[in-house]
Structures are given as structure tokens and as C-alpha cells.
Amino acid sequence: MPGTERPEPPVVGDEREMLRGFLDFHRATLAMKCDGLGTEELRRQSMPPSTLSLLGLVRHMAEVERVWFRRVINGEDVPLVWSPEGDRQAAYDASTATREEAFAAWEAEIEHARRIERDAPSLDVVGYWPRLDKDVSLRMVMIHMIHEYARHNGHADFLREGIDGTVGF
């Protein structure tokens, strides 16, 4: 995704517009952290014993998008992509992954998520979260996704700097 453009989130707007804007801002930030890097660079791990890599983060976020929007909010019975046994750490292992397959899966899940959010009549739409046996609102899911991206974008900052010294944005 070389040359990823990052939308500026709104500073004034209704709740849904603000949540959507900040979520898209953080999605684009992760893409920007990966811009200009090939598969091998994206696979580069932070430091032993961690298997954390930029490509692993992209794979992880594809699964997170899939779980929260498709499985929880939309009630779809779709398997996880890289963690069939529910071991969410499996997605982080990008040792044999390619840039193309990871980004294709992530971008597809983002499009599903955007459609589900856009089609929902309100942020009060509720889905079922089986992991804690609770109902959750679309509002909570969007807030959680912003938190998840923000946290992992911090990791991506350090990973990218370790690869080629690029910092910021």
C-alpha cells in the first residue's frame, strides 16, 4: 500500500461520524507503517522471544476485524483465518506469510466491517460476545477497535523504526 493516504478524523461531528473517522484514521496509520516494505521486512521480528512483526500485526488486525464485526455484531458463523483453534497468537506468526495474502485478508475484513457498520441502523445494535457470554453494542465494538489499533500502532512505530529508522506519522 505505498503512499497510503490517512484521513484526518473529524474534530466536530456526531458520535458515529467521530467513531468512524477515528477508526479509519487508525486503520490507515497501520497501513502507513507498512508502506514501502516488502514481505521479508514486514516479517522482521522485534526481539526474542517475541514473534511480533508488522506483518503479524496486519494478520492479527484482520482477525480482530473479522471477530468483532462479522462474528459478534453480524452473527456470522465464519472461522478465524489464521487461528482455527481460537489461539489468537497464531495470527502473529507471520514467518511464512506474504504481504499480499495478509493485506488482502485485512483489506477484505475492513470492507466487511465498514459495510456492517454502515448498514446498522444505530450504534445501539447489539451482538453477542460468546467469550464473555455478554451482549455488546456496535458502539462498544467501535471504541474497542480504536483502542486495539491505537495500541498496536504504538507497537508498529517501534517495529518500523527497527527496520529502517523511519519514525513518526
Protein backbone atom coordinates (compact mmCIF):
# COMPACT_ATOMS: atom_id res chain seq x y z
CA MET A 1 0.00 0.00 0.00
CA PRO A 2 2.71 2.52 -0.84
CA GLY A 3 1.60 6.08 -0.50
CA THR A 4 -1.30 5.34 1.82
CA GLU A 5 -3.33 8.45 2.47
CA ARG A 6 -4.57 8.85 6.00
CA PRO A 7 -7.89 10.62 6.52
CA GLU A 8 -7.93 13.20 9.26
CA PRO A 9 -10.57 12.31 11.84
CA PRO A 10 -13.25 14.93 12.38
CA VAL A 11 -12.94 17.33 15.29
CA VAL A 12 -16.64 18.13 15.19
CA GLY A 13 -19.40 15.71 14.30
CA ASP A 14 -21.94 13.30 15.65
CA GLU A 15 -20.89 10.24 17.61
CA ARG A 16 -20.98 7.83 14.70
CA GLU A 17 -19.03 10.15 12.41
CA MET A 18 -16.37 10.61 15.10
CA LEU A 19 -16.03 6.87 15.80
CA ARG A 20 -15.91 6.02 12.10
CA GLY A 21 -13.35 8.78 11.46
CA PHE A 22 -11.00 7.75 14.25
CA LEU A 23 -11.24 4.07 13.35
CA ASP A 24 -10.38 4.81 9.71
CA PHE A 25 -7.53 7.08 10.86
CA HIS A 26 -6.01 4.22 12.87
CA ARG A 27 -6.53 1.68 10.09
CA ALA A 28 -4.68 3.98 7.70
CA THR A 29 -1.92 4.54 10.26
CA LEU A 30 -1.15 0.82 10.37
CA ALA A 31 -1.06 0.75 6.56
CA MET A 32 1.31 3.75 6.55
CA LYS A 33 3.65 1.99 8.99
CA CYS A 34 3.96 -0.80 6.41
CA ASP A 35 4.31 1.40 3.31
CA GLY A 36 7.32 0.72 1.14
CA LEU A 37 8.31 -2.54 2.85
CA GLY A 38 8.46 -5.96 1.24
CA THR A 39 7.44 -9.27 2.74
CA GLU A 40 10.81 -10.01 4.33
CA GLU A 41 10.99 -6.61 6.04
CA LEU A 42 7.40 -6.91 7.23
CA ARG A 43 8.21 -10.34 8.71
CA ARG A 44 11.13 -8.97 10.73
CA GLN A 45 10.52 -9.73 14.40
CA SER A 46 11.08 -7.30 17.21
CA MET A 47 13.32 -9.26 19.58
CA PRO A 48 13.40 -12.78 21.03
CA PRO A 49 11.33 -14.34 22.39
CA SER A 50 8.64 -12.17 20.76
CA THR A 51 7.38 -13.13 17.30
CA LEU A 52 5.80 -9.69 16.86
CA SER A 53 6.21 -8.23 13.37
CA LEU A 54 4.42 -5.68 11.21
CA LEU A 55 3.04 -8.49 9.04
CA GLY A 56 1.87 -10.29 12.18
CA LEU A 57 0.07 -7.13 13.30
CA VAL A 58 -1.71 -6.88 9.94
CA ARG A 59 -2.80 -10.53 10.21
CA HIS A 60 -3.90 -10.02 13.82
CA MET A 61 -5.96 -6.97 12.93
CA ALA A 62 -7.63 -8.87 10.06
CA GLU A 63 -8.79 -11.43 12.61
CA VAL A 64 -9.83 -8.77 15.12
CA GLU A 65 -11.95 -7.02 12.47
CA ARG A 66 -13.45 -10.38 11.49
CA VAL A 67 -14.30 -11.36 15.06
CA TRP A 68 -15.85 -8.12 16.23
CA PHE A 69 -17.78 -7.08 13.15
CA ARG A 70 -18.66 -10.30 11.35
CA ARG A 71 -18.90 -12.80 14.20
CA VAL A 72 -20.04 -10.64 17.13
CA ILE A 73 -22.13 -7.84 15.59
CA ASN A 74 -23.35 -9.59 12.43
CA GLY A 75 -23.66 -13.07 13.96
CA GLU A 76 -21.84 -14.74 11.06
CA ASP A 77 -20.53 -18.26 11.63
CA VAL A 78 -17.17 -17.69 9.93
CA PRO A 79 -13.94 -19.33 11.06
CA LEU A 80 -10.88 -17.38 12.06
CA VAL A 81 -8.38 -17.05 9.23
CA TRP A 82 -5.10 -17.98 10.93
CA SER A 83 -6.26 -19.11 14.36
CA PRO A 84 -8.64 -22.01 13.75
CA GLU A 85 -8.24 -23.29 17.29
CA GLY A 86 -9.01 -19.88 18.76
CA ASP A 87 -5.35 -19.24 19.61
CA ARG A 88 -5.22 -15.55 18.70
CA GLN A 89 -1.43 -15.60 18.97
CA ALA A 90 -1.25 -17.80 15.86
CA ALA A 91 -2.04 -14.81 13.64
CA TYR A 92 1.09 -13.06 14.93
CA ASP A 93 3.31 -15.78 13.48
CA ALA A 94 3.98 -14.37 10.04
CA SER A 95 7.12 -16.42 9.38
CA THR A 96 5.65 -17.97 6.22
CA ALA A 97 3.11 -15.25 5.42
CA THR A 98 3.27 -12.96 2.43
CA ARG A 99 2.50 -9.28 2.22
CA GLU A 100 -0.08 -9.94 -0.50
CA GLU A 101 -2.13 -12.53 1.41
CA ALA A 102 -2.05 -10.67 4.71
CA PHE A 103 -3.05 -7.32 3.21
CA ALA A 104 -5.73 -8.90 1.01
CA ALA A 105 -7.33 -10.55 4.05
CA TRP A 106 -7.06 -7.39 6.18
CA GLU A 107 -8.50 -5.14 3.48
CA ALA A 108 -11.37 -7.59 2.85
CA GLU A 109 -12.23 -7.64 6.57
CA ILE A 110 -12.16 -3.85 6.75
CA GLU A 111 -14.63 -3.69 3.86
CA HIS A 112 -16.92 -6.19 5.62
CA ALA A 113 -16.65 -4.15 8.82
CA ARG A 114 -17.45 -0.88 7.05
CA ARG A 115 -20.49 -2.44 5.38
CA ILE A 116 -21.77 -3.89 8.66
CA GLU A 117 -21.31 -0.58 10.49
CA ARG A 118 -22.83 1.44 7.64
CA ASP A 119 -25.87 -0.87 7.39
CA ALA A 120 -26.53 -0.87 11.14
CA PRO A 121 -29.45 1.45 11.96
CA SER A 122 -27.68 2.77 15.06
CA LEU A 123 -24.72 2.32 17.37
CA ASP A 124 -27.12 0.62 19.77
CA VAL A 125 -27.23 -2.52 17.59
CA VAL A 126 -26.28 -5.42 19.82
CA GLY A 127 -24.29 -8.53 19.05
CA TYR A 128 -23.35 -11.47 21.21
CA TRP A 129 -19.81 -11.91 22.53
CA PRO A 130 -19.53 -15.61 23.44
CA ARG A 131 -16.10 -15.29 25.03
CA LEU A 132 -17.64 -13.45 27.99
CA ASP A 133 -21.23 -14.57 27.41
CA LYS A 134 -22.36 -10.95 27.01
CA ASP A 135 -24.25 -8.77 24.59
CA VAL A 136 -22.25 -5.81 23.29
CA SER A 137 -23.24 -2.76 21.27
CA LEU A 138 -21.77 -1.63 17.97
CA ARG A 139 -20.67 1.50 19.88
CA MET A 140 -18.56 -0.62 22.26
CA VAL A 141 -17.09 -2.57 19.34
CA MET A 142 -16.04 0.59 17.54
CA ILE A 143 -14.48 2.04 20.69
CA HIS A 144 -12.68 -1.25 21.31
CA MET A 145 -11.39 -1.31 17.72
CA ILE A 146 -9.99 2.22 18.06
CA HIS A 147 -8.25 1.14 21.27
CA GLU A 148 -6.92 -2.04 19.63
CA TYR A 149 -5.50 -0.17 16.64
CA ALA A 150 -4.03 2.62 18.76
CA ARG A 151 -2.23 0.11 20.98
CA HIS A 152 -0.87 -1.88 18.06
CA ASN A 153 0.08 1.25 16.12
CA GLY A 154 2.39 2.03 19.02
CA HIS A 155 3.99 -1.38 18.51
CA ALA A 156 4.17 -0.67 14.78
CA ASP A 157 6.09 2.57 15.50
CA PHE A 158 8.88 0.64 17.20
CA LEU A 159 8.87 -2.19 14.66
CA ARG A 160 9.17 0.21 11.72
CA GLU A 161 11.95 2.19 13.39
CA GLY A 162 13.85 -1.05 13.93
CA ILE A 163 13.55 -1.96 10.25
CA ASP A 164 14.70 1.21 8.55
CA GLY A 165 14.79 4.03 11.10
CA THR A 166 11.50 5.58 9.94
CA VAL A 167 9.67 7.29 12.80
CA GLY A 168 6.62 9.42 13.20
CA PHE A 169 3.42 9.90 11.28
